[in-house]
Amino acid sequence: MGNRAVFVLAGPEGHTRHRSSYGAVGLDLDVLAGPEAVIPFLRDHAPEDGWYPDDMVEAGVLVDPVRRLLLIFAWEGRTASTRTRSAHLELLRCAWAGWQVRWLYDGQSGLRAHLGLDPEEARGAVYPGPALEPGDEELDDPDPMVAVVTVGPDRCHVLADIEDHPVEEGPALLDRLRGAPHHGSHRLPAGAGIHVDPERRQLGWWLTTARAHAREVAARWPGWTVEFWEDRWNEHVRASGGRFTPPVPDHAVVLAEVRDEALERWAGPRRDVRAALAAAHPHILLGHGFAPAVTADRAAAARAAIEEAYRAAAGA
């Protein structure tokens, strides 16, 4: 299936669109190299006239050099955890100094709306992650892929964060969790969450990634007051009365950690994967959704930009 990504280069005369079948993985680290390295890298991807379906695109970028605007979203990476998201976004803004950097919480549907295009209609079916038992092995990971659901004053459930956001279920979520395992509290990082107050028919929800049509989710809760907290999980901490309390990371430590991963991502030249496959298998039918080659010079310039962004972010 791949890990689909879309890249849009915009300007006063319109935009060009490029897409990658596998470019979503590592995109969060690629973009930390700043505009001088990233814009040519995006432009070197194969151009594309069509669009992937909105709910199948795992990452995307729109770059407008004239307006100095960067729009970005991703389903995974350093931005997808409460532990490293703040550090990643700080490095990103330093790498793109002087640019407006905005996160697209509604993914490709938000990107298409920015371009004045009609987003696809939101699909009706929802595929939520299952509720986890308190001893589930996923919770052995210090940075688990989970969504936290707190209900009323005393319930805390932890769901696998592998499909749709639990808020997309609407009130059926409460029926599904009525007999689900209780966790008491969750004190690890998470990638998404929702607090539901059934008595007041109010809820707030957040995520660190993106969901197509995220800003339309209130329609799934008719008669309820729905507040979208974007990535402000501290609102969930407050509303849950402390039943969701992710650890506060050491900012200096995670800043250096994200920098090191970005430097490794740009550690040297990258080969043209499509050309290599075509040479090894001359009769195979290949698409064009592969990443382009990266020269040693461009990789070196990218590493220099990452180091400069890190010094700015660290106040060195």
C-alpha atoms as a PDB file:
ATOM      1  CA  MET A   1       0.000   0.000   0.000  1.00  0.00           C
ATOM      2  CA  GLY A   2       2.874   2.393   0.593  1.00  0.00           C
ATOM      3  CA  ASN A   3       2.909   5.535   2.699  1.00  0.00           C
ATOM      4  CA  ARG A   4       1.374   8.161   0.456  1.00  0.00           C
ATOM      5  CA  ALA A   5       2.463  11.782   0.516  1.00  0.00           C
ATOM      6  CA  VAL A   6       1.603  14.830  -1.585  1.00  0.00           C
ATOM      7  CA  PHE A   7       3.829  17.858  -2.226  1.00  0.00           C
ATOM      8  CA  VAL A   8       2.472  21.127  -3.614  1.00  0.00           C
ATOM      9  CA  LEU A   9       4.644  23.990  -4.836  1.00  0.00           C
ATOM     10  CA  ALA A  10       2.502  27.114  -5.035  1.00  0.00           C
ATOM     11  CA  GLY A  11       3.047  30.566  -6.464  1.00  0.00           C
ATOM     12  CA  PRO A  12       1.266  33.526  -8.057  1.00  0.00           C
ATOM     13  CA  GLU A  13       0.746  31.618 -11.314  1.00  0.00           C
ATOM     14  CA  GLY A  14      -0.786  28.560  -9.712  1.00  0.00           C
ATOM     15  CA  HIS A  15       0.695  25.408  -8.316  1.00  0.00           C
ATOM     16  CA  THR A  16       2.390  22.191  -9.316  1.00  0.00           C
ATOM     17  CA  ARG A  17       1.680  18.958  -7.546  1.00  0.00           C
ATOM     18  CA  HIS A  18       4.003  16.057  -6.896  1.00  0.00           C
ATOM     19  CA  ARG A  19       3.283  12.851  -5.014  1.00  0.00           C
ATOM     20  CA  SER A  20       5.151   9.960  -3.512  1.00  0.00           C
ATOM     21  CA  SER A  21       3.979   6.443  -2.778  1.00  0.00           C
ATOM     22  CA  TYR A  22       6.392   6.147   0.154  1.00  0.00           C
ATOM     23  CA  GLY A  23       7.319   9.724   1.074  1.00  0.00           C
ATOM     24  CA  ALA A  24       5.237  10.011   4.247  1.00  0.00           C
ATOM     25  CA  VAL A  25       7.806   8.093   6.291  1.00  0.00           C
ATOM     26  CA  GLY A  26      10.602  10.466   7.276  1.00  0.00           C
ATOM     27  CA  LEU A  27       8.962  13.578   5.862  1.00  0.00           C
ATOM     28  CA  ASP A  28       8.965  15.168   9.321  1.00  0.00           C
ATOM     29  CA  LEU A  29      12.788  14.872   9.318  1.00  0.00           C
ATOM     30  CA  ASP A  30      13.232  15.831   5.661  1.00  0.00           C
ATOM     31  CA  VAL A  31      11.573  19.223   6.147  1.00  0.00           C
ATOM     32  CA  LEU A  32      13.939  20.168   8.995  1.00  0.00           C
ATOM     33  CA  ALA A  33      16.561  20.873   6.330  1.00  0.00           C
ATOM     34  CA  GLY A  34      14.882  24.197   5.495  1.00  0.00           C
ATOM     35  CA  PRO A  35      13.713  25.709   2.208  1.00  0.00           C
ATOM     36  CA  GLU A  36      17.045  25.752   0.339  1.00  0.00           C
ATOM     37  CA  ALA A  37      17.368  21.969   0.502  1.00  0.00           C
ATOM     38  CA  VAL A  38      13.735  20.942   0.780  1.00  0.00           C
ATOM     39  CA  ILE A  39      12.138  22.852  -2.111  1.00  0.00           C
ATOM     40  CA  PRO A  40      14.420  21.288  -4.783  1.00  0.00           C
ATOM     41  CA  PHE A  41      13.934  17.884  -3.149  1.00  0.00           C
ATOM     42  CA  LEU A  42      10.153  18.197  -3.362  1.00  0.00           C
ATOM     43  CA  ARG A  43      10.289  19.527  -6.921  1.00  0.00           C
ATOM     44  CA  ASP A  44      12.367  16.538  -8.040  1.00  0.00           C
ATOM     45  CA  HIS A  45       9.525  14.142  -7.242  1.00  0.00           C
ATOM     46  CA  ALA A  46       7.485  13.084 -10.251  1.00  0.00           C
ATOM     47  CA  PRO A  47       4.727  15.568 -11.146  1.00  0.00           C
ATOM     48  CA  GLU A  48       1.166  14.349 -10.853  1.00  0.00           C
ATOM     49  CA  ASP A  49      -2.169  15.546 -12.189  1.00  0.00           C
ATOM     50  CA  GLY A  50      -4.474  13.488  -9.986  1.00  0.00           C
ATOM     51  CA  TRP A  51      -4.977  13.310  -6.250  1.00  0.00           C
ATOM     52  CA  TYR A  52      -4.869  10.430  -3.854  1.00  0.00           C
ATOM     53  CA  PRO A  53      -8.102  10.110  -1.807  1.00  0.00           C
ATOM     54  CA  ASP A  54      -8.053  12.566   1.109  1.00  0.00           C
ATOM     55  CA  ASP A  55      -8.262   9.899   3.797  1.00  0.00           C
ATOM     56  CA  MET A  56      -5.417   7.838   2.307  1.00  0.00           C
ATOM     57  CA  VAL A  57      -2.724  10.525   2.290  1.00  0.00           C
ATOM     58  CA  GLU A  58      -0.448  10.134   5.316  1.00  0.00           C
ATOM     59  CA  ALA A  59       1.623  13.304   4.915  1.00  0.00           C
ATOM     60  CA  GLY A  60       1.744  16.432   2.827  1.00  0.00           C
ATOM     61  CA  VAL A  61       3.465  19.747   2.330  1.00  0.00           C
ATOM     62  CA  LEU A  62       2.536  22.954   0.568  1.00  0.00           C
ATOM     63  CA  VAL A  63       5.362  25.432  -0.037  1.00  0.00           C
ATOM     64  CA  ASP A  64       4.698  28.940  -1.317  1.00  0.00           C
ATOM     65  CA  PRO A  65       8.046  30.778  -1.659  1.00  0.00           C
ATOM     66  CA  VAL A  66       6.430  34.084  -2.631  1.00  0.00           C
ATOM     67  CA  ARG A  67       4.159  34.222   0.400  1.00  0.00           C
ATOM     68  CA  ARG A  68       6.799  32.367   2.445  1.00  0.00           C
ATOM     69  CA  LEU A  69       4.172  29.928   3.640  1.00  0.00           C
ATOM     70  CA  LEU A  70       4.693  26.322   4.674  1.00  0.00           C
ATOM     71  CA  LEU A  71       1.690  24.072   5.331  1.00  0.00           C
ATOM     72  CA  ILE A  72       2.397  20.574   6.596  1.00  0.00           C
ATOM     73  CA  PHE A  73       0.753  17.487   8.047  1.00  0.00           C
ATOM     74  CA  ALA A  74       1.879  13.950   8.857  1.00  0.00           C
ATOM     75  CA  TRP A  75       0.446  10.876  10.485  1.00  0.00           C
ATOM     76  CA  GLU A  76       3.661   9.719  12.100  1.00  0.00           C
ATOM     77  CA  GLY A  77       7.142  10.788  13.122  1.00  0.00           C
ATOM     78  CA  ARG A  78       8.511  13.110  15.780  1.00  0.00           C
ATOM     79  CA  THR A  79       5.436  15.337  15.518  1.00  0.00           C
ATOM     80  CA  ALA A  80       3.104  12.492  16.424  1.00  0.00           C
ATOM     81  CA  SER A  81       4.006  12.240  20.113  1.00  0.00           C
ATOM     82  CA  THR A  82       3.472  14.546  23.052  1.00  0.00           C
ATOM     83  CA  ARG A  83       7.096  13.801  23.988  1.00  0.00           C
ATOM     84  CA  THR A  84       8.803  15.225  20.898  1.00  0.00           C
ATOM     85  CA  ARG A  85       6.200  17.316  19.063  1.00  0.00           C
ATOM     86  CA  SER A  86       7.084  20.655  20.655  1.00  0.00           C
ATOM     87  CA  ALA A  87      10.802  20.201  19.972  1.00  0.00           C
ATOM     88  CA  HIS A  88      10.174  19.147  16.383  1.00  0.00           C
ATOM     89  CA  LEU A  89       7.911  22.113  15.640  1.00  0.00           C
ATOM     90  CA  GLU A  90      10.407  24.510  17.220  1.00  0.00           C
ATOM     91  CA  LEU A  91      13.204  23.153  15.035  1.00  0.00           C
ATOM     92  CA  LEU A  92      10.914  23.343  12.009  1.00  0.00           C
ATOM     93  CA  ARG A  93      10.100  27.006  12.586  1.00  0.00           C
ATOM     94  CA  CYS A  94      13.783  27.814  13.094  1.00  0.00           C
ATOM     95  CA  ALA A  95      14.698  25.930   9.911  1.00  0.00           C
ATOM     96  CA  TRP A  96      12.086  27.949   8.020  1.00  0.00           C
ATOM     97  CA  ALA A  97      12.858  31.264   9.734  1.00  0.00           C
ATOM     98  CA  GLY A  98      10.867  34.143   8.294  1.00  0.00           C
ATOM     99  CA  TRP A  99       8.189  31.796   6.969  1.00  0.00           C
ATOM    100  CA  GLN A 100       4.674  31.230   8.283  1.00  0.00           C
ATOM    101  CA  VAL A 101       4.536  27.579   9.336  1.00  0.00           C
ATOM    102  CA  ARG A 102       1.086  26.052   9.847  1.00  0.00           C
ATOM    103  CA  TRP A 103       0.014  22.542  10.743  1.00  0.00           C
ATOM    104  CA  LEU A 104      -2.918  21.148   8.728  1.00  0.00           C
ATOM    105  CA  TYR A 105      -4.961  19.216  11.277  1.00  0.00           C
ATOM    106  CA  ASP A 106      -7.412  18.253   8.526  1.00  0.00           C
ATOM    107  CA  GLY A 107      -4.723  16.801   6.277  1.00  0.00           C
ATOM    108  CA  GLN A 108      -5.166  16.793   2.525  1.00  0.00           C
ATOM    109  CA  SER A 109      -8.755  18.003   2.765  1.00  0.00           C
ATOM    110  CA  GLY A 110      -7.386  21.169   4.395  1.00  0.00           C
ATOM    111  CA  LEU A 111      -4.655  21.464   1.789  1.00  0.00           C
ATOM    112  CA  ARG A 112      -7.167  21.211  -1.038  1.00  0.00           C
ATOM    113  CA  ALA A 113      -9.386  23.792   0.671  1.00  0.00           C
ATOM    114  CA  HIS A 114      -6.389  26.162   0.895  1.00  0.00           C
ATOM    115  CA  LEU A 115      -5.979  25.826  -2.875  1.00  0.00           C
ATOM    116  CA  GLY A 116      -9.654  26.613  -3.458  1.00  0.00           C
ATOM    117  CA  LEU A 117     -10.434  23.024  -4.466  1.00  0.00           C
ATOM    118  CA  ASP A 118     -13.387  21.052  -3.195  1.00  0.00           C
ATOM    119  CA  PRO A 119     -12.342  18.390  -0.676  1.00  0.00           C
ATOM    120  CA  GLU A 120     -13.776  14.946  -1.115  1.00  0.00           C
ATOM    121  CA  GLU A 121     -16.812  14.089   0.931  1.00  0.00           C
ATOM    122  CA  ALA A 122     -16.025  12.540   4.288  1.00  0.00           C
ATOM    123  CA  ARG A 123     -16.535   8.779   4.184  1.00  0.00           C
ATOM    124  CA  GLY A 124     -19.259   7.393   6.400  1.00  0.00           C
ATOM    125  CA  ALA A 125     -17.538   4.278   7.745  1.00  0.00           C
ATOM    126  CA  VAL A 126     -15.263   4.682  10.765  1.00  0.00           C
ATOM    127  CA  TYR A 127     -12.569   2.229  11.813  1.00  0.00           C
ATOM    128  CA  PRO A 128     -11.571   2.982  15.425  1.00  0.00           C
ATOM    129  CA  GLY A 129      -8.693   1.326  17.230  1.00  0.00           C
ATOM    130  CA  PRO A 130      -9.567  -1.326  19.810  1.00  0.00           C
ATOM    131  CA  ALA A 131      -9.574  -0.680  23.552  1.00  0.00           C
ATOM    132  CA  LEU A 132      -6.412  -2.000  25.210  1.00  0.00           C
ATOM    133  CA  GLU A 133      -6.133  -4.000  28.394  1.00  0.00           C
ATOM    134  CA  PRO A 134      -4.056  -2.315  31.147  1.00  0.00           C
ATOM    135  CA  GLY A 135      -1.292  -4.898  30.641  1.00  0.00           C
ATOM    136  CA  ASP A 136      -1.176  -4.644  26.845  1.00  0.00           C
ATOM    137  CA  GLU A 137       2.373  -4.876  25.436  1.00  0.00           C
ATOM    138  CA  GLU A 138       1.923  -1.585  23.567  1.00  0.00           C
ATOM    139  CA  LEU A 139       1.973   0.136  26.968  1.00  0.00           C
ATOM    140  CA  ASP A 140       5.465  -1.258  27.614  1.00  0.00           C
ATOM    141  CA  ASP A 141       6.723   1.207  25.011  1.00  0.00           C
ATOM    142  CA  PRO A 142       7.720   4.550  26.585  1.00  0.00           C
ATOM    143  CA  ASP A 143       6.115   6.290  23.608  1.00  0.00           C
ATOM    144  CA  PRO A 144       3.084   4.109  22.772  1.00  0.00           C
ATOM    145  CA  MET A 145       0.775   4.557  19.780  1.00  0.00           C
ATOM    146  CA  VAL A 146      -2.393   5.175  21.751  1.00  0.00           C
ATOM    147  CA  ALA A 147      -5.402   7.455  22.059  1.00  0.00           C
ATOM    148  CA  VAL A 148      -6.667   8.315  25.543  1.00  0.00           C
ATOM    149  CA  VAL A 149     -10.400   8.551  26.227  1.00  0.00           C
ATOM    150  CA  THR A 150     -11.597   9.928  29.561  1.00  0.00           C
ATOM    151  CA  VAL A 151     -15.313   9.853  30.325  1.00  0.00           C
ATOM    152  CA  GLY A 152     -16.979  11.810  33.087  1.00  0.00           C
ATOM    153  CA  PRO A 153     -15.182  12.142  36.424  1.00  0.00           C
ATOM    154  CA  ASP A 154     -13.820   8.626  36.824  1.00  0.00           C
ATOM    155  CA  ARG A 155     -13.254   6.636  33.625  1.00  0.00           C
ATOM    156  CA  CYS A 156     -10.076   6.350  31.558  1.00  0.00           C
ATOM    157  CA  HIS A 157      -9.741   4.076  28.542  1.00  0.00           C
ATOM    158  CA  VAL A 158      -6.720   3.642  26.286  1.00  0.00           C
ATOM    159  CA  LEU A 159      -7.235   2.734  22.625  1.00  0.00           C
ATOM    160  CA  ALA A 160      -4.779   1.681  19.958  1.00  0.00           C
ATOM    161  CA  ASP A 161      -4.085   4.729  17.784  1.00  0.00           C
ATOM    162  CA  ILE A 162      -3.967   2.823  14.510  1.00  0.00           C
ATOM    163  CA  GLU A 163      -7.056   3.826  12.572  1.00  0.00           C
ATOM    164  CA  ASP A 164      -9.602   6.636  12.943  1.00  0.00           C
ATOM    165  CA  HIS A 165      -9.737   9.032  15.858  1.00  0.00           C
ATOM    166  CA  PRO A 166     -12.242   7.854  18.497  1.00  0.00           C
ATOM    167  CA  VAL A 167     -14.120  11.165  18.251  1.00  0.00           C
ATOM    168  CA  GLU A 168     -15.163  10.168  14.733  1.00  0.00           C
ATOM    169  CA  GLU A 169     -17.381   7.404  16.161  1.00  0.00           C
ATOM    170  CA  GLY A 170     -19.815   9.913  17.599  1.00  0.00           C
ATOM    171  CA  PRO A 171     -21.908   8.873  20.645  1.00  0.00           C
ATOM    172  CA  ALA A 172     -21.470   5.219  19.614  1.00  0.00           C
ATOM    173  CA  LEU A 173     -18.042   5.530  21.222  1.00  0.00           C
ATOM    174  CA  LEU A 174     -19.682   5.629  24.650  1.00  0.00           C
ATOM    175  CA  ASP A 175     -21.651   2.466  23.942  1.00  0.00           C
ATOM    176  CA  ARG A 176     -18.524   0.671  22.754  1.00  0.00           C
ATOM    177  CA  LEU A 177     -16.515   1.637  25.828  1.00  0.00           C
ATOM    178  CA  ARG A 178     -19.229   0.871  28.381  1.00  0.00           C
ATOM    179  CA  GLY A 179     -17.728  -2.549  29.036  1.00  0.00           C
ATOM    180  CA  ALA A 180     -14.156  -1.753  28.004  1.00  0.00           C
ATOM    181  CA  PRO A 181     -11.172  -2.162  30.367  1.00  0.00           C
ATOM    182  CA  HIS A 182     -10.562   0.717  32.795  1.00  0.00           C
ATOM    183  CA  HIS A 183      -7.043   2.075  33.174  1.00  0.00           C
ATOM    184  CA  GLY A 184      -7.593   4.479  36.049  1.00  0.00           C
ATOM    185  CA  SER A 185      -5.179   6.938  34.464  1.00  0.00           C
ATOM    186  CA  HIS A 186      -2.672   7.211  31.654  1.00  0.00           C
ATOM    187  CA  ARG A 187       0.715   8.737  32.416  1.00  0.00           C
ATOM    188  CA  LEU A 188       2.577   8.024  29.172  1.00  0.00           C
ATOM    189  CA  PRO A 189       2.698  10.018  25.933  1.00  0.00           C
ATOM    190  CA  ALA A 190      -0.128   9.623  23.444  1.00  0.00           C
ATOM    191  CA  GLY A 191      -0.958  10.752  19.953  1.00  0.00           C
ATOM    192  CA  ALA A 192      -4.621  11.638  20.421  1.00  0.00           C
ATOM    193  CA  GLY A 193      -7.297  12.017  23.042  1.00  0.00           C
ATOM    194  CA  ILE A 194     -10.857  12.954  23.906  1.00  0.00           C
ATOM    195  CA  HIS A 195     -12.631  13.913  27.109  1.00  0.00           C
ATOM    196  CA  VAL A 196     -16.379  13.351  27.224  1.00  0.00           C
ATOM    197  CA  ASP A 197     -18.758  14.841  29.778  1.00  0.00           C
ATOM    198  CA  PRO A 198     -21.991  12.868  29.243  1.00  0.00           C
ATOM    199  CA  GLU A 199     -24.001  14.842  31.792  1.00  0.00           C
ATOM    200  CA  ARG A 200     -23.339  18.188  30.113  1.00  0.00           C
ATOM    201  CA  ARG A 201     -23.169  16.628  26.640  1.00  0.00           C
ATOM    202  CA  GLN A 202     -19.829  18.304  26.064  1.00  0.00           C
ATOM    203  CA  LEU A 203     -16.529  17.024  24.759  1.00  0.00           C
ATOM    204  CA  GLY A 204     -13.092  18.207  23.768  1.00  0.00           C
ATOM    205  CA  TRP A 205     -10.630  16.356  21.567  1.00  0.00           C
ATOM    206  CA  TRP A 206      -7.109  16.715  20.210  1.00  0.00           C
ATOM    207  CA  LEU A 207      -4.540  15.013  18.032  1.00  0.00           C
ATOM    208  CA  THR A 208      -0.905  15.470  17.073  1.00  0.00           C
ATOM    209  CA  THR A 209      -1.332  14.153  13.535  1.00  0.00           C
ATOM    210  CA  ALA A 210      -4.104  14.913  11.031  1.00  0.00           C
ATOM    211  CA  ARG A 211      -7.479  13.564   9.978  1.00  0.00           C
ATOM    212  CA  ALA A 212      -9.288  14.448   6.761  1.00  0.00           C
ATOM    213  CA  HIS A 213     -12.290  16.686   7.523  1.00  0.00           C
ATOM    214  CA  ALA A 214     -11.217  17.023  11.166  1.00  0.00           C
ATOM    215  CA  ARG A 215     -12.974  20.347  11.579  1.00  0.00           C
ATOM    216  CA  GLU A 216     -16.304  18.829  10.572  1.00  0.00           C
ATOM    217  CA  VAL A 217     -16.310  16.161  13.263  1.00  0.00           C
ATOM    218  CA  ALA A 218     -18.861  17.998  15.433  1.00  0.00           C
ATOM    219  CA  ALA A 219     -21.558  16.890  12.970  1.00  0.00           C
ATOM    220  CA  ARG A 220     -21.054  13.339  14.241  1.00  0.00           C
ATOM    221  CA  TRP A 221     -22.195  14.482  17.722  1.00  0.00           C
ATOM    222  CA  PRO A 222     -25.625  16.093  17.148  1.00  0.00           C
ATOM    223  CA  GLY A 223     -26.894  17.933  20.196  1.00  0.00           C
ATOM    224  CA  TRP A 224     -23.425  18.006  21.823  1.00  0.00           C
ATOM    225  CA  THR A 225     -21.004  20.876  22.337  1.00  0.00           C
ATOM    226  CA  VAL A 226     -17.755  19.857  20.656  1.00  0.00           C
ATOM    227  CA  GLU A 227     -14.475  21.724  21.134  1.00  0.00           C
ATOM    228  CA  PHE A 228     -11.445  20.957  18.972  1.00  0.00           C
ATOM    229  CA  TRP A 229      -8.261  21.485  20.978  1.00  0.00           C
ATOM    230  CA  GLU A 230      -5.937  20.937  17.967  1.00  0.00           C
ATOM    231  CA  ASP A 231      -2.716  19.636  19.610  1.00  0.00           C
ATOM    232  CA  ARG A 232      -3.289  21.238  23.012  1.00  0.00           C
ATOM    233  CA  TRP A 233      -3.304  18.039  25.092  1.00  0.00           C
ATOM    234  CA  ASN A 234      -2.887  20.162  28.229  1.00  0.00           C
ATOM    235  CA  GLU A 235      -6.603  20.978  27.809  1.00  0.00           C
ATOM    236  CA  HIS A 236      -7.284  17.257  28.165  1.00  0.00           C
ATOM    237  CA  VAL A 237      -5.056  17.082  31.245  1.00  0.00           C
ATOM    238  CA  ARG A 238      -7.122  19.859  32.821  1.00  0.00           C
ATOM    239  CA  ALA A 239     -10.517  18.455  31.809  1.00  0.00           C
ATOM    240  CA  SER A 240      -9.700  14.914  32.929  1.00  0.00           C
ATOM    241  CA  GLY A 241      -8.845  15.949  36.470  1.00  0.00           C
ATOM    242  CA  GLY A 242      -5.386  14.445  36.170  1.00  0.00           C
ATOM    243  CA  ARG A 243      -6.384  11.037  34.803  1.00  0.00           C
ATOM    244  CA  PHE A 244      -4.364  11.852  31.691  1.00  0.00           C
ATOM    245  CA  THR A 245      -0.962  13.275  32.633  1.00  0.00           C
ATOM    246  CA  PRO A 246       1.764  12.632  30.060  1.00  0.00           C
ATOM    247  CA  PRO A 247       5.298  13.261  31.331  1.00  0.00           C
ATOM    248  CA  VAL A 248       6.870  16.647  30.702  1.00  0.00           C
ATOM    249  CA  PRO A 249       9.911  15.985  28.495  1.00  0.00           C
ATOM    250  CA  ASP A 250      13.349  17.462  29.033  1.00  0.00           C
ATOM    251  CA  HIS A 251      13.237  20.027  26.245  1.00  0.00           C
ATOM    252  CA  ALA A 252      17.000  20.159  25.720  1.00  0.00           C
ATOM    253  CA  VAL A 253      17.216  16.387  25.514  1.00  0.00           C
ATOM    254  CA  VAL A 254      14.412  15.905  22.989  1.00  0.00           C
ATOM    255  CA  LEU A 255      15.590  18.895  20.928  1.00  0.00           C
ATOM    256  CA  ALA A 256      18.982  17.242  20.509  1.00  0.00           C
ATOM    257  CA  GLU A 257      17.310  13.890  19.856  1.00  0.00           C
ATOM    258  CA  VAL A 258      15.223  15.254  16.983  1.00  0.00           C
ATOM    259  CA  ARG A 259      18.258  17.088  15.570  1.00  0.00           C
ATOM    260  CA  ASP A 260      20.287  13.870  15.601  1.00  0.00           C
ATOM    261  CA  GLU A 261      17.559  11.942  13.791  1.00  0.00           C
ATOM    262  CA  ALA A 262      17.311  14.666  11.141  1.00  0.00           C
ATOM    263  CA  LEU A 263      21.079  14.652  10.655  1.00  0.00           C
ATOM    264  CA  GLU A 264      20.966  10.872  10.225  1.00  0.00           C
ATOM    265  CA  ARG A 265      18.157  11.260   7.684  1.00  0.00           C
ATOM    266  CA  TRP A 266      20.408  13.587   5.636  1.00  0.00           C
ATOM    267  CA  ALA A 267      23.622  11.681   6.442  1.00  0.00           C
ATOM    268  CA  GLY A 268      24.736  11.378   2.836  1.00  0.00           C
ATOM    269  CA  PRO A 269      23.621  11.015  -0.769  1.00  0.00           C
ATOM    270  CA  ARG A 270      20.518   8.999  -1.590  1.00  0.00           C
ATOM    271  CA  ARG A 271      20.216   6.916  -4.703  1.00  0.00           C
ATOM    272  CA  ASP A 272      17.427   7.154  -7.266  1.00  0.00           C
ATOM    273  CA  VAL A 273      15.389   4.162  -6.089  1.00  0.00           C
ATOM    274  CA  ARG A 274      13.279   3.928  -9.244  1.00  0.00           C
ATOM    275  CA  ALA A 275      16.319   3.954 -11.509  1.00  0.00           C
ATOM    276  CA  ALA A 276      18.009   1.300  -9.383  1.00  0.00           C
ATOM    277  CA  LEU A 277      14.934  -0.954  -9.519  1.00  0.00           C
ATOM    278  CA  ALA A 278      14.576  -0.466 -13.265  1.00  0.00           C
ATOM    279  CA  ALA A 279      18.223  -1.394 -13.789  1.00  0.00           C
ATOM    280  CA  ALA A 280      17.943  -4.501 -11.624  1.00  0.00           C
ATOM    281  CA  HIS A 281      14.571  -5.588 -13.064  1.00  0.00           C
ATOM    282  CA  PRO A 282      14.355  -4.241 -16.638  1.00  0.00           C
ATOM    283  CA  HIS A 283      10.993  -5.908 -17.334  1.00  0.00           C
ATOM    284  CA  ILE A 284       9.194  -4.863 -14.157  1.00  0.00           C
ATOM    285  CA  LEU A 285       6.350  -2.342 -14.346  1.00  0.00           C
ATOM    286  CA  LEU A 286       7.226   0.585 -12.085  1.00  0.00           C
ATOM    287  CA  GLY A 287       5.243   3.592 -10.972  1.00  0.00           C
ATOM    288  CA  HIS A 288       6.684   7.054 -10.457  1.00  0.00           C
ATOM    289  CA  GLY A 289       6.022   7.430  -6.741  1.00  0.00           C
ATOM    290  CA  PHE A 290       9.617   6.963  -5.617  1.00  0.00           C
ATOM    291  CA  ALA A 291      11.875   9.513  -3.921  1.00  0.00           C
ATOM    292  CA  PRO A 292      14.436  11.246  -6.134  1.00  0.00           C
ATOM    293  CA  ALA A 293      18.174  11.054  -5.724  1.00  0.00           C
ATOM    294  CA  VAL A 294      19.935  13.373  -3.274  1.00  0.00           C
ATOM    295  CA  THR A 295      23.472  14.478  -4.044  1.00  0.00           C
ATOM    296  CA  ALA A 296      26.233  14.580  -1.466  1.00  0.00           C
ATOM    297  CA  ASP A 297      26.395  18.384  -1.773  1.00  0.00           C
ATOM    298  CA  ARG A 298      22.669  18.770  -1.126  1.00  0.00           C
ATOM    299  CA  ALA A 299      22.856  16.416   1.844  1.00  0.00           C
ATOM    300  CA  ALA A 300      25.738  18.416   3.307  1.00  0.00           C
ATOM    301  CA  ALA A 301      23.815  21.680   2.856  1.00  0.00           C
ATOM    302  CA  ALA A 302      20.790  20.097   4.521  1.00  0.00           C
ATOM    303  CA  ARG A 303      22.863  19.031   7.538  1.00  0.00           C
ATOM    304  CA  ALA A 304      24.291  22.532   7.849  1.00  0.00           C
ATOM    305  CA  ALA A 305      20.755  23.984   7.835  1.00  0.00           C
ATOM    306  CA  ILE A 306      19.639  21.503  10.508  1.00  0.00           C
ATOM    307  CA  GLU A 307      22.597  22.429  12.735  1.00  0.00           C
ATOM    308  CA  GLU A 308      21.834  26.125  12.281  1.00  0.00           C
ATOM    309  CA  ALA A 309      18.179  25.558  13.187  1.00  0.00           C
ATOM    310  CA  TYR A 310      19.229  23.614  16.256  1.00  0.00           C
ATOM    311  CA  ARG A 311      21.548  26.395  17.447  1.00  0.00           C
ATOM    312  CA  ALA A 312      18.725  28.906  17.042  1.00  0.00           C
ATOM    313  CA  ALA A 313      16.248  26.690  18.875  1.00  0.00           C
ATOM    314  CA  ALA A 314      18.698  25.882  21.688  1.00  0.00           C
ATOM    315  CA  GLY A 315      19.674  29.542  22.065  1.00  0.00           C
ATOM    316  CA  ALA A 316      23.330  28.750  21.404  1.00  0.00           C
END
